[in-house]
Amino acid sequence: MRYKDSRDALEVFIKLNMQLIDLKKFQLANAEAIRKILKKYEKRTALTLPVAEQDRILPLLSSIGLVAMPSDPNASRPPSLSRVLVVLMTESLLPITPFIDDYLCLICTSIAFKPIRPDCRHLFCVRCLAKMQKRGQAECPLCRAQTVLTADRTNVDYAVWNFMMDWFPKEAKKKLKANEAEAASEELEAMGFDTQSECVVM
């Protein structure tokens, strides 16, 4: 490729794809490990689902195709506890596991640290909201409500802020450093310094 930017973009694209492949491999390895552990557990115990729980659990398992209902001619024996365990983990734990994609700023698409919600309740990082206010932009970029200029420190979502620090500490600290560096650069530019040129000491 002739241009450095194109080569850099290609390298980033390749790295992202390699990371996705590694994640997929990890996902498959993790699923296989769980399957083997539960299979070994089932062989050792041979425990089945208690009769008292069958009326509650069997419809759930049947709805996702894991077992046949007792009335079904293809039904054989009650499901094993290991299979029920996998289903309950999938149904109960995965929906409440936090994902960083649910806490991204709508403007910069990185983690919304420090999170602030205008009256329209959409989530932004404080730097992006400050930039919109500096430009005099009154409308929320998502819903077009006139809520941006009226937002202040009372709109900071401290509950989400603490949640981010607990669940995504690395991403939050990285975003905090980036915000501080950007703010310092803007201050220097306001003072008339060129922050894009290299610093040369004579």
N, C-alpha and C. Protein backbone atom coordinates (compact mmCIF):
# COMPACT_ATOMS: atom_id res chain seq x y z
N MET A 1 0.83 -1.20 0.00
CA MET A 1 0.00 0.00 0.00
C MET A 1 0.87 1.25 0.00
N ARG A 2 0.42 2.27 -0.71
CA ARG A 2 1.23 3.47 -0.89
C ARG A 2 1.20 4.38 0.32
N TYR A 3 0.07 4.43 1.02
CA TYR A 3 -0.08 5.41 2.08
C TYR A 3 0.05 4.75 3.46
N LYS A 4 0.72 5.47 4.35
CA LYS A 4 0.95 4.95 5.69
C LYS A 4 -0.36 4.75 6.45
N ASP A 5 -1.31 5.68 6.27
CA ASP A 5 -2.60 5.55 6.96
C ASP A 5 -3.32 4.27 6.54
N SER A 6 -3.21 3.93 5.26
CA SER A 6 -3.85 2.71 4.77
C SER A 6 -3.20 1.47 5.38
N ARG A 7 -1.87 1.50 5.48
CA ARG A 7 -1.18 0.36 6.09
C ARG A 7 -1.54 0.24 7.56
N ASP A 8 -1.60 1.38 8.25
CA ASP A 8 -1.96 1.35 9.68
C ASP A 8 -3.38 0.82 9.87
N ALA A 9 -4.29 1.27 9.00
CA ALA A 9 -5.68 0.81 9.10
C ALA A 9 -5.77 -0.69 8.86
N LEU A 10 -4.99 -1.18 7.90
CA LEU A 10 -4.99 -2.62 7.62
C LEU A 10 -4.45 -3.41 8.81
N GLU A 11 -3.39 -2.90 9.43
CA GLU A 11 -2.83 -3.59 10.60
C GLU A 11 -3.84 -3.64 11.74
N VAL A 12 -4.54 -2.53 11.96
CA VAL A 12 -5.56 -2.50 13.02
C VAL A 12 -6.68 -3.49 12.70
N PHE A 13 -7.08 -3.53 11.44
CA PHE A 13 -8.14 -4.45 11.02
C PHE A 13 -7.73 -5.91 11.24
N ILE A 14 -6.48 -6.22 10.89
CA ILE A 14 -5.99 -7.59 11.08
C ILE A 14 -5.93 -7.95 12.56
N LYS A 15 -5.46 -7.00 13.38
CA LYS A 15 -5.39 -7.26 14.82
C LYS A 15 -6.78 -7.51 15.41
N LEU A 16 -7.75 -6.71 14.98
CA LEU A 16 -9.12 -6.90 15.47
C LEU A 16 -9.66 -8.27 15.09
N ASN A 17 -9.39 -8.69 13.87
CA ASN A 17 -9.85 -10.01 13.43
C ASN A 17 -9.16 -11.13 14.20
N MET A 18 -7.88 -10.96 14.50
CA MET A 18 -7.17 -11.96 15.29
C MET A 18 -7.74 -12.05 16.70
N GLN A 19 -8.09 -10.89 17.26
CA GLN A 19 -8.70 -10.89 18.59
C GLN A 19 -10.06 -11.59 18.58
N LEU A 20 -10.84 -11.35 17.52
CA LEU A 20 -12.13 -12.01 17.41
C LEU A 20 -11.97 -13.52 17.29
N ILE A 21 -10.97 -13.95 16.53
CA ILE A 21 -10.72 -15.38 16.39
C ILE A 21 -10.31 -15.99 17.73
N ASP A 22 -9.45 -15.28 18.47
CA ASP A 22 -9.04 -15.77 19.78
C ASP A 22 -10.23 -15.87 20.74
N LEU A 23 -11.11 -14.87 20.69
CA LEU A 23 -12.30 -14.90 21.55
C LEU A 23 -13.20 -16.07 21.19
N LYS A 24 -13.33 -16.34 19.89
CA LYS A 24 -14.16 -17.46 19.45
C LYS A 24 -13.56 -18.78 19.92
N LYS A 25 -12.24 -18.90 19.82
CA LYS A 25 -11.57 -20.12 20.29
C LYS A 25 -11.79 -20.30 21.80
N PHE A 26 -11.67 -19.20 22.53
CA PHE A 26 -11.88 -19.27 23.98
C PHE A 26 -13.31 -19.67 24.30
N GLN A 27 -14.26 -19.13 23.55
CA GLN A 27 -15.66 -19.46 23.77
C GLN A 27 -15.91 -20.95 23.54
N LEU A 28 -15.35 -21.48 22.45
CA LEU A 28 -15.53 -22.90 22.16
C LEU A 28 -14.84 -23.77 23.20
N ALA A 29 -13.63 -23.37 23.61
CA ALA A 29 -12.92 -24.14 24.63
C ALA A 29 -13.66 -24.12 25.96
N ASN A 30 -14.23 -22.98 26.30
CA ASN A 30 -14.97 -22.86 27.55
C ASN A 30 -16.23 -23.72 27.52
N ALA A 31 -16.94 -23.71 26.39
CA ALA A 31 -18.14 -24.52 26.26
C ALA A 31 -17.81 -26.01 26.34
N GLU A 32 -16.71 -26.41 25.70
CA GLU A 32 -16.30 -27.81 25.73
C GLU A 32 -15.89 -28.23 27.14
N ALA A 33 -15.22 -27.33 27.86
CA ALA A 33 -14.81 -27.65 29.23
C ALA A 33 -16.03 -27.85 30.13
N ILE A 34 -17.02 -26.96 29.99
CA ILE A 34 -18.24 -27.11 30.78
C ILE A 34 -18.95 -28.41 30.45
N ARG A 35 -19.00 -28.73 29.16
CA ARG A 35 -19.67 -29.97 28.74
C ARG A 35 -18.99 -31.19 29.36
N LYS A 36 -17.66 -31.22 29.34
CA LYS A 36 -16.94 -32.38 29.88
C LYS A 36 -17.09 -32.47 31.39
N ILE A 37 -17.04 -31.33 32.06
CA ILE A 37 -17.18 -31.34 33.52
C ILE A 37 -18.55 -31.86 33.91
N LEU A 38 -19.59 -31.36 33.24
CA LEU A 38 -20.94 -31.78 33.57
C LEU A 38 -21.18 -33.24 33.18
N LYS A 39 -20.58 -33.67 32.09
CA LYS A 39 -20.73 -35.06 31.68
C LYS A 39 -20.09 -35.99 32.71
N LYS A 40 -18.92 -35.60 33.21
CA LYS A 40 -18.25 -36.41 34.23
C LYS A 40 -19.06 -36.42 35.52
N TYR A 41 -19.61 -35.25 35.86
CA TYR A 41 -20.44 -35.16 37.06
C TYR A 41 -21.67 -36.05 36.93
N GLU A 42 -22.28 -36.04 35.75
CA GLU A 42 -23.49 -36.85 35.55
C GLU A 42 -23.18 -38.34 35.66
N LYS A 43 -22.04 -38.76 35.14
CA LYS A 43 -21.68 -40.18 35.22
C LYS A 43 -21.45 -40.61 36.67
N ARG A 44 -20.87 -39.72 37.45
CA ARG A 44 -20.55 -40.08 38.83
C ARG A 44 -21.79 -40.12 39.72
N THR A 45 -22.73 -39.23 39.46
CA THR A 45 -23.87 -39.12 40.37
C THR A 45 -25.11 -39.83 39.87
N ALA A 46 -25.35 -39.75 38.56
CA ALA A 46 -26.57 -40.32 37.95
C ALA A 46 -27.83 -39.75 38.58
N LEU A 47 -27.73 -38.53 39.08
CA LEU A 47 -28.89 -37.90 39.70
C LEU A 47 -29.80 -37.33 38.63
N THR A 48 -31.08 -37.42 38.85
CA THR A 48 -32.05 -36.83 37.94
C THR A 48 -32.77 -35.69 38.64
N LEU A 49 -33.53 -34.97 37.88
CA LEU A 49 -34.26 -33.84 38.42
C LEU A 49 -35.32 -34.33 39.42
N PRO A 50 -35.36 -33.74 40.62
CA PRO A 50 -36.38 -34.16 41.60
C PRO A 50 -37.79 -34.04 41.02
N VAL A 51 -38.63 -34.97 41.39
CA VAL A 51 -40.00 -34.98 40.87
C VAL A 51 -40.72 -33.69 41.21
N ALA A 52 -40.46 -33.15 42.39
CA ALA A 52 -41.15 -31.93 42.82
C ALA A 52 -40.81 -30.74 41.93
N GLU A 53 -39.66 -30.78 41.26
CA GLU A 53 -39.24 -29.65 40.43
C GLU A 53 -39.57 -29.84 38.96
N GLN A 54 -40.02 -31.02 38.58
CA GLN A 54 -40.21 -31.30 37.16
C GLN A 54 -41.30 -30.43 36.54
N ASP A 55 -42.38 -30.19 37.27
CA ASP A 55 -43.47 -29.38 36.71
C ASP A 55 -43.02 -27.95 36.43
N ARG A 56 -42.05 -27.48 37.19
CA ARG A 56 -41.58 -26.10 37.00
C ARG A 56 -40.49 -26.00 35.94
N ILE A 57 -39.60 -26.99 35.89
CA ILE A 57 -38.43 -26.90 35.03
C ILE A 57 -38.67 -27.49 33.64
N LEU A 58 -39.44 -28.58 33.56
CA LEU A 58 -39.61 -29.26 32.27
C LEU A 58 -40.18 -28.36 31.17
N PRO A 59 -41.21 -27.53 31.46
CA PRO A 59 -41.70 -26.66 30.38
C PRO A 59 -40.62 -25.72 29.85
N LEU A 60 -39.75 -25.23 30.73
CA LEU A 60 -38.67 -24.35 30.30
C LEU A 60 -37.70 -25.09 29.39
N LEU A 61 -37.30 -26.29 29.80
CA LEU A 61 -36.37 -27.07 29.00
C LEU A 61 -36.99 -27.46 27.66
N SER A 62 -38.28 -27.77 27.70
CA SER A 62 -38.96 -28.17 26.47
C SER A 62 -39.09 -27.00 25.50
N SER A 63 -39.29 -25.78 26.05
CA SER A 63 -39.48 -24.62 25.19
C SER A 63 -38.24 -24.27 24.38
N ILE A 64 -37.07 -24.66 24.89
CA ILE A 64 -35.84 -24.38 24.15
C ILE A 64 -35.27 -25.64 23.51
N GLY A 65 -36.07 -26.71 23.51
CA GLY A 65 -35.71 -27.89 22.76
C GLY A 65 -34.70 -28.81 23.40
N LEU A 66 -34.48 -28.68 24.71
CA LEU A 66 -33.49 -29.54 25.35
C LEU A 66 -34.06 -30.90 25.74
N VAL A 67 -35.32 -30.93 26.12
CA VAL A 67 -35.94 -32.19 26.51
C VAL A 67 -37.34 -32.25 25.93
N ALA A 68 -37.90 -33.45 25.93
CA ALA A 68 -39.29 -33.63 25.53
C ALA A 68 -40.15 -33.72 26.78
N MET A 69 -41.35 -33.20 26.69
CA MET A 69 -42.28 -33.29 27.81
C MET A 69 -42.68 -34.74 28.03
N PRO A 70 -43.05 -35.11 29.27
CA PRO A 70 -43.44 -36.50 29.56
C PRO A 70 -44.57 -37.00 28.67
N SER A 71 -45.44 -36.09 28.23
CA SER A 71 -46.54 -36.51 27.36
C SER A 71 -46.08 -36.79 25.94
N ASP A 72 -44.87 -36.34 25.62
CA ASP A 72 -44.33 -36.56 24.28
C ASP A 72 -43.90 -38.02 24.15
N PRO A 73 -44.27 -38.70 23.05
CA PRO A 73 -43.86 -40.11 22.89
C PRO A 73 -42.35 -40.29 22.80
N ASN A 74 -41.63 -39.20 22.48
CA ASN A 74 -40.17 -39.30 22.40
C ASN A 74 -39.49 -39.11 23.75
N ALA A 75 -40.27 -38.76 24.77
CA ALA A 75 -39.69 -38.54 26.09
C ALA A 75 -39.23 -39.87 26.67
N SER A 76 -38.05 -39.85 27.30
CA SER A 76 -37.50 -41.07 27.87
C SER A 76 -37.48 -41.00 29.39
N ARG A 77 -36.53 -40.29 29.94
CA ARG A 77 -36.41 -40.20 31.39
C ARG A 77 -36.27 -38.73 31.78
N PRO A 78 -36.45 -38.41 33.05
CA PRO A 78 -36.31 -37.01 33.48
C PRO A 78 -34.92 -36.49 33.17
N PRO A 79 -34.79 -35.20 32.90
CA PRO A 79 -33.48 -34.64 32.57
C PRO A 79 -32.53 -34.71 33.75
N SER A 80 -31.24 -34.75 33.45
CA SER A 80 -30.24 -34.81 34.50
C SER A 80 -30.05 -33.44 35.13
N LEU A 81 -29.52 -33.45 36.34
CA LEU A 81 -29.26 -32.19 37.02
C LEU A 81 -28.22 -31.36 36.27
N SER A 82 -27.28 -32.01 35.63
CA SER A 82 -26.25 -31.26 34.91
C SER A 82 -26.85 -30.46 33.76
N ARG A 83 -27.79 -31.07 33.04
CA ARG A 83 -28.43 -30.34 31.94
C ARG A 83 -29.27 -29.19 32.47
N VAL A 84 -29.98 -29.44 33.55
CA VAL A 84 -30.77 -28.38 34.17
C VAL A 84 -29.87 -27.24 34.63
N LEU A 85 -28.70 -27.59 35.17
CA LEU A 85 -27.76 -26.58 35.64
C LEU A 85 -27.32 -25.67 34.50
N VAL A 86 -27.01 -26.25 33.36
CA VAL A 86 -26.59 -25.45 32.21
C VAL A 86 -27.71 -24.49 31.79
N VAL A 87 -28.94 -25.00 31.74
CA VAL A 87 -30.06 -24.16 31.33
C VAL A 87 -30.27 -23.02 32.30
N LEU A 88 -30.24 -23.33 33.59
CA LEU A 88 -30.47 -22.29 34.59
C LEU A 88 -29.36 -21.24 34.57
N MET A 89 -28.13 -21.68 34.35
CA MET A 89 -27.02 -20.72 34.24
C MET A 89 -27.24 -19.80 33.06
N THR A 90 -27.66 -20.38 31.94
CA THR A 90 -27.88 -19.58 30.73
C THR A 90 -29.03 -18.60 30.91
N GLU A 91 -30.11 -19.08 31.53
CA GLU A 91 -31.30 -18.25 31.68
C GLU A 91 -31.15 -17.20 32.77
N SER A 92 -30.39 -17.52 33.82
CA SER A 92 -30.35 -16.63 34.99
C SER A 92 -29.13 -15.72 35.02
N LEU A 93 -27.96 -16.25 34.64
CA LEU A 93 -26.73 -15.48 34.81
C LEU A 93 -26.41 -14.60 33.62
N LEU A 94 -26.53 -15.13 32.41
CA LEU A 94 -26.13 -14.36 31.24
C LEU A 94 -26.91 -13.06 31.08
N PRO A 95 -28.24 -13.05 31.32
CA PRO A 95 -28.96 -11.77 31.14
C PRO A 95 -28.53 -10.67 32.10
N ILE A 96 -27.95 -11.02 33.26
CA ILE A 96 -27.58 -9.99 34.22
C ILE A 96 -26.08 -9.71 34.24
N THR A 97 -25.32 -10.40 33.40
CA THR A 97 -23.89 -10.15 33.33
C THR A 97 -23.65 -8.83 32.59
N PRO A 98 -22.97 -7.88 33.20
CA PRO A 98 -22.77 -6.58 32.55
C PRO A 98 -21.80 -6.66 31.38
N PHE A 99 -22.14 -5.98 30.30
CA PHE A 99 -21.27 -5.88 29.14
C PHE A 99 -20.93 -4.41 28.92
N ILE A 100 -19.69 -4.17 28.57
CA ILE A 100 -19.24 -2.78 28.43
C ILE A 100 -19.98 -2.06 27.32
N ASP A 101 -20.47 -2.81 26.32
CA ASP A 101 -21.21 -2.17 25.22
C ASP A 101 -22.47 -1.47 25.70
N ASP A 102 -22.97 -1.86 26.86
CA ASP A 102 -24.18 -1.22 27.40
C ASP A 102 -23.88 0.10 28.09
N TYR A 103 -22.60 0.45 28.21
CA TYR A 103 -22.21 1.65 28.94
C TYR A 103 -21.29 2.54 28.10
N LEU A 104 -21.56 2.59 26.81
CA LEU A 104 -20.75 3.40 25.92
C LEU A 104 -21.39 4.76 25.69
N CYS A 105 -20.54 5.76 25.54
CA CYS A 105 -21.02 7.10 25.19
C CYS A 105 -21.53 7.07 23.75
N LEU A 106 -22.64 7.74 23.50
CA LEU A 106 -23.23 7.73 22.17
C LEU A 106 -22.44 8.57 21.17
N ILE A 107 -21.52 9.41 21.67
CA ILE A 107 -20.76 10.29 20.79
C ILE A 107 -19.41 9.67 20.42
N CYS A 108 -18.60 9.37 21.44
CA CYS A 108 -17.24 8.88 21.17
C CYS A 108 -17.18 7.35 21.11
N THR A 109 -18.27 6.68 21.45
CA THR A 109 -18.40 5.21 21.41
C THR A 109 -17.39 4.49 22.30
N SER A 110 -16.78 5.18 23.25
CA SER A 110 -15.98 4.52 24.27
C SER A 110 -16.76 4.58 25.58
N ILE A 111 -16.21 4.00 26.63
CA ILE A 111 -16.94 3.93 27.89
C ILE A 111 -17.32 5.33 28.37
N ALA A 112 -18.55 5.49 28.80
CA ALA A 112 -19.09 6.80 29.18
C ALA A 112 -18.64 7.18 30.59
N PHE A 113 -17.40 7.56 30.71
CA PHE A 113 -16.82 7.92 32.01
C PHE A 113 -16.43 9.39 31.96
N LYS A 114 -16.79 10.15 32.83
CA LYS A 114 -17.75 10.12 33.90
C LYS A 114 -19.15 10.22 33.29
N PRO A 115 -20.06 9.33 33.65
CA PRO A 115 -21.35 9.27 32.96
C PRO A 115 -22.29 10.40 33.39
N ILE A 116 -22.91 10.99 32.41
CA ILE A 116 -23.86 12.07 32.69
C ILE A 116 -25.10 11.87 31.84
N ARG A 117 -26.24 12.09 32.44
CA ARG A 117 -27.52 11.91 31.75
C ARG A 117 -28.29 13.23 31.75
N PRO A 118 -28.49 13.83 30.59
CA PRO A 118 -29.39 14.99 30.53
C PRO A 118 -30.82 14.56 30.89
N ASP A 119 -31.72 15.49 30.87
CA ASP A 119 -33.10 15.18 31.28
C ASP A 119 -33.77 14.16 30.36
N CYS A 120 -33.24 13.97 29.15
CA CYS A 120 -33.80 12.96 28.25
C CYS A 120 -33.32 11.55 28.62
N ARG A 121 -32.36 11.46 29.57
CA ARG A 121 -31.87 10.21 30.16
C ARG A 121 -30.94 9.42 29.25
N HIS A 122 -30.48 9.99 28.14
CA HIS A 122 -29.49 9.30 27.33
C HIS A 122 -28.10 9.50 27.95
N LEU A 123 -27.24 8.50 27.77
CA LEU A 123 -25.96 8.46 28.47
C LEU A 123 -24.83 9.01 27.61
N PHE A 124 -24.04 9.92 28.20
CA PHE A 124 -22.87 10.48 27.53
C PHE A 124 -21.72 10.53 28.54
N CYS A 125 -20.49 10.59 28.02
CA CYS A 125 -19.38 10.89 28.92
C CYS A 125 -19.33 12.41 29.10
N VAL A 126 -18.78 12.84 30.20
CA VAL A 126 -18.83 14.26 30.54
C VAL A 126 -18.07 15.11 29.53
N ARG A 127 -17.00 14.57 28.94
CA ARG A 127 -16.23 15.33 27.97
C ARG A 127 -17.04 15.62 26.71
N CYS A 128 -17.74 14.62 26.22
CA CYS A 128 -18.54 14.81 25.01
C CYS A 128 -19.68 15.79 25.26
N LEU A 129 -20.29 15.70 26.43
CA LEU A 129 -21.37 16.63 26.75
C LEU A 129 -20.83 18.05 26.86
N ALA A 130 -19.65 18.20 27.46
CA ALA A 130 -19.05 19.53 27.59
C ALA A 130 -18.73 20.12 26.22
N LYS A 131 -18.30 19.28 25.29
CA LYS A 131 -18.00 19.75 23.94
C LYS A 131 -19.27 20.24 23.24
N MET A 132 -20.36 19.48 23.42
CA MET A 132 -21.62 19.90 22.81
C MET A 132 -22.08 21.23 23.39
N GLN A 133 -21.93 21.39 24.70
CA GLN A 133 -22.33 22.65 25.33
C GLN A 133 -21.44 23.80 24.86
N LYS A 134 -20.16 23.52 24.66
CA LYS A 134 -19.24 24.55 24.20
C LYS A 134 -19.59 25.02 22.79
N ARG A 135 -20.10 24.09 21.98
CA ARG A 135 -20.52 24.44 20.62
C ARG A 135 -21.89 25.11 20.60
N GLY A 136 -22.56 25.12 21.75
CA GLY A 136 -23.90 25.69 21.81
C GLY A 136 -24.97 24.76 21.29
N GLN A 137 -24.66 23.47 21.24
CA GLN A 137 -25.63 22.49 20.75
C GLN A 137 -26.63 22.16 21.85
N ALA A 138 -27.89 22.47 21.62
CA ALA A 138 -28.91 22.27 22.64
C ALA A 138 -29.61 20.92 22.52
N GLU A 139 -29.64 20.35 21.31
CA GLU A 139 -30.40 19.13 21.08
C GLU A 139 -29.58 17.88 21.40
N CYS A 140 -30.23 16.92 22.04
CA CYS A 140 -29.62 15.61 22.23
C CYS A 140 -29.44 14.98 20.84
N PRO A 141 -28.26 14.45 20.52
CA PRO A 141 -28.05 13.89 19.18
C PRO A 141 -28.86 12.64 18.90
N LEU A 142 -29.46 12.07 19.94
CA LEU A 142 -30.24 10.85 19.73
C LEU A 142 -31.73 11.13 19.59
N CYS A 143 -32.28 11.94 20.50
CA CYS A 143 -33.73 12.15 20.50
C CYS A 143 -34.14 13.57 20.11
N ARG A 144 -33.16 14.46 19.93
CA ARG A 144 -33.41 15.86 19.54
C ARG A 144 -34.12 16.68 20.61
N ALA A 145 -34.15 16.18 21.82
CA ALA A 145 -34.75 16.96 22.91
C ALA A 145 -33.79 18.08 23.31
N GLN A 146 -34.34 19.21 23.74
CA GLN A 146 -33.53 20.37 24.12
C GLN A 146 -33.03 20.19 25.56
N THR A 147 -32.08 19.27 25.74
CA THR A 147 -31.66 18.92 27.09
C THR A 147 -30.16 19.09 27.34
N VAL A 148 -29.39 19.36 26.30
CA VAL A 148 -27.93 19.36 26.45
C VAL A 148 -27.45 20.57 27.25
N LEU A 149 -27.91 21.75 26.90
CA LEU A 149 -27.41 22.97 27.54
C LEU A 149 -27.85 23.10 28.99
N THR A 150 -28.91 22.42 29.37
CA THR A 150 -29.39 22.52 30.75
C THR A 150 -28.74 21.49 31.67
N ALA A 151 -27.96 20.58 31.12
CA ALA A 151 -27.32 19.54 31.94
C ALA A 151 -26.16 20.14 32.72
N ASP A 152 -26.03 19.73 33.98
CA ASP A 152 -24.92 20.17 34.81
C ASP A 152 -24.48 19.02 35.71
N ARG A 153 -23.72 19.33 36.75
CA ARG A 153 -23.17 18.26 37.60
C ARG A 153 -24.26 17.48 38.34
N THR A 154 -25.44 18.05 38.45
CA THR A 154 -26.53 17.30 39.10
C THR A 154 -27.02 16.16 38.22
N ASN A 155 -26.64 16.18 36.94
CA ASN A 155 -27.05 15.12 36.02
C ASN A 155 -26.06 13.96 35.97
N VAL A 156 -24.97 14.06 36.72
CA VAL A 156 -24.00 12.96 36.75
C VAL A 156 -24.65 11.74 37.39
N ASP A 157 -24.51 10.60 36.73
CA ASP A 157 -25.09 9.34 37.22
C ASP A 157 -24.04 8.64 38.08
N TYR A 158 -24.06 8.94 39.38
CA TYR A 158 -23.04 8.39 40.27
C TYR A 158 -23.19 6.88 40.47
N ALA A 159 -24.40 6.39 40.37
CA ALA A 159 -24.60 4.94 40.51
C ALA A 159 -23.90 4.20 39.37
N VAL A 160 -24.07 4.69 38.14
CA VAL A 160 -23.41 4.07 36.99
C VAL A 160 -21.90 4.29 37.07
N TRP A 161 -21.49 5.45 37.56
CA TRP A 161 -20.06 5.75 37.72
C TRP A 161 -19.40 4.71 38.64
N ASN A 162 -19.99 4.49 39.80
CA ASN A 162 -19.45 3.50 40.73
C ASN A 162 -19.49 2.09 40.14
N PHE A 163 -20.56 1.80 39.40
CA PHE A 163 -20.69 0.50 38.76
C PHE A 163 -19.56 0.28 37.76
N MET A 164 -19.25 1.30 36.97
CA MET A 164 -18.16 1.20 36.00
C MET A 164 -16.82 0.96 36.69
N MET A 165 -16.59 1.65 37.79
CA MET A 165 -15.33 1.48 38.51
C MET A 165 -15.20 0.07 39.07
N ASP A 166 -16.32 -0.54 39.42
CA ASP A 166 -16.29 -1.90 39.96
C ASP A 166 -16.11 -2.95 38.87
N TRP A 167 -16.81 -2.78 37.75
CA TRP A 167 -16.85 -3.81 36.71
C TRP A 167 -15.86 -3.57 35.58
N PHE A 168 -15.57 -2.31 35.27
CA PHE A 168 -14.67 -2.00 34.15
C PHE A 168 -13.58 -1.03 34.60
N PRO A 169 -12.78 -1.40 35.60
CA PRO A 169 -11.79 -0.45 36.14
C PRO A 169 -10.72 -0.05 35.13
N LYS A 170 -10.25 -1.00 34.32
CA LYS A 170 -9.19 -0.67 33.36
C LYS A 170 -9.70 0.31 32.31
N GLU A 171 -10.89 0.04 31.77
CA GLU A 171 -11.44 0.91 30.75
C GLU A 171 -11.74 2.30 31.32
N ALA A 172 -12.24 2.33 32.56
CA ALA A 172 -12.57 3.61 33.18
C ALA A 172 -11.31 4.45 33.42
N LYS A 173 -10.25 3.81 33.91
CA LYS A 173 -9.00 4.55 34.15
C LYS A 173 -8.38 5.03 32.84
N LYS A 174 -8.47 4.19 31.81
CA LYS A 174 -7.94 4.59 30.50
C LYS A 174 -8.69 5.79 29.95
N LYS A 175 -10.02 5.77 30.09
CA LYS A 175 -10.82 6.90 29.60
C LYS A 175 -10.54 8.15 30.42
N LEU A 176 -10.33 7.99 31.73
CA LEU A 176 -10.03 9.14 32.58
C LEU A 176 -8.73 9.80 32.15
N LYS A 177 -7.70 8.99 31.87
CA LYS A 177 -6.43 9.55 31.41
C LYS A 177 -6.58 10.25 30.07
N ALA A 178 -7.36 9.64 29.18
CA ALA A 178 -7.58 10.25 27.87
C ALA A 178 -8.31 11.59 28.01
N ASN A 179 -9.29 11.64 28.91
CA ASN A 179 -10.01 12.89 29.14
C ASN A 179 -9.09 13.98 29.68
N GLU A 180 -8.22 13.58 30.63
CA GLU A 180 -7.31 14.56 31.22
C GLU A 180 -6.32 15.08 30.18
N ALA A 181 -5.82 14.17 29.33
CA ALA A 181 -4.88 14.59 28.29
C ALA A 181 -5.55 15.52 27.28
N GLU A 182 -6.78 15.20 26.93
CA GLU A 182 -7.51 16.04 25.97
C GLU A 182 -7.81 17.41 26.55
N ALA A 183 -8.18 17.44 27.83
CA ALA A 183 -8.46 18.72 28.48
C ALA A 183 -7.20 19.58 28.56
N ALA A 184 -6.06 18.95 28.88
CA ALA A 184 -4.80 19.69 28.94
C ALA A 184 -4.42 20.24 27.57
N SER A 185 -4.65 19.43 26.53
CA SER A 185 -4.34 19.88 25.17
C SER A 185 -5.20 21.07 24.78
N GLU A 186 -6.47 21.04 25.15
CA GLU A 186 -7.36 22.16 24.82
C GLU A 186 -6.95 23.43 25.56
N GLU A 187 -6.49 23.28 26.80
CA GLU A 187 -6.03 24.45 27.55
C GLU A 187 -4.80 25.08 26.90
N LEU A 188 -3.88 24.23 26.44
CA LEU A 188 -2.69 24.75 25.78
C LEU A 188 -3.04 25.45 24.47
N GLU A 189 -3.98 24.87 23.73
CA GLU A 189 -4.40 25.50 22.47
C GLU A 189 -5.07 26.85 22.75
N ALA A 190 -5.83 26.92 23.84
CA ALA A 190 -6.48 28.19 24.19
C ALA A 190 -5.45 29.26 24.55
N MET A 191 -4.29 28.81 25.03
CA MET A 191 -3.21 29.75 25.39
C MET A 191 -2.34 30.09 24.19
N GLY A 192 -2.63 29.48 23.03
CA GLY A 192 -1.90 29.81 21.82
C GLY A 192 -0.80 28.86 21.45
N PHE A 193 -0.67 27.75 22.17
CA PHE A 193 0.36 26.78 21.85
C PHE A 193 -0.14 25.79 20.81
N ASP A 194 0.80 25.34 19.97
CA ASP A 194 0.48 24.34 18.95
C ASP A 194 0.76 22.96 19.54
N THR A 195 -0.28 22.23 19.86
CA THR A 195 -0.11 20.91 20.49
C THR A 195 0.16 19.81 19.48
N GLN A 196 0.04 20.13 18.18
CA GLN A 196 0.25 19.11 17.16
C GLN A 196 1.71 18.98 16.76
N SER A 197 2.47 20.05 16.93
CA SER A 197 3.88 20.00 16.53
C SER A 197 4.71 19.33 17.61
N GLU A 198 5.84 18.77 17.20
CA GLU A 198 6.73 18.09 18.13
C GLU A 198 7.50 19.11 18.97
N CYS A 199 7.74 18.72 20.21
CA CYS A 199 8.50 19.59 21.11
C CYS A 199 9.99 19.40 20.83
N VAL A 200 10.66 20.49 20.51
CA VAL A 200 12.09 20.42 20.19
C VAL A 200 12.86 21.27 21.20
N VAL A 201 13.79 20.65 21.89
CA VAL A 201 14.61 21.36 22.86
C VAL A 201 15.94 21.69 22.21
N MET A 202 16.26 22.96 22.14
CA MET A 202 17.51 23.39 21.50
C MET A 202 18.66 23.33 22.52
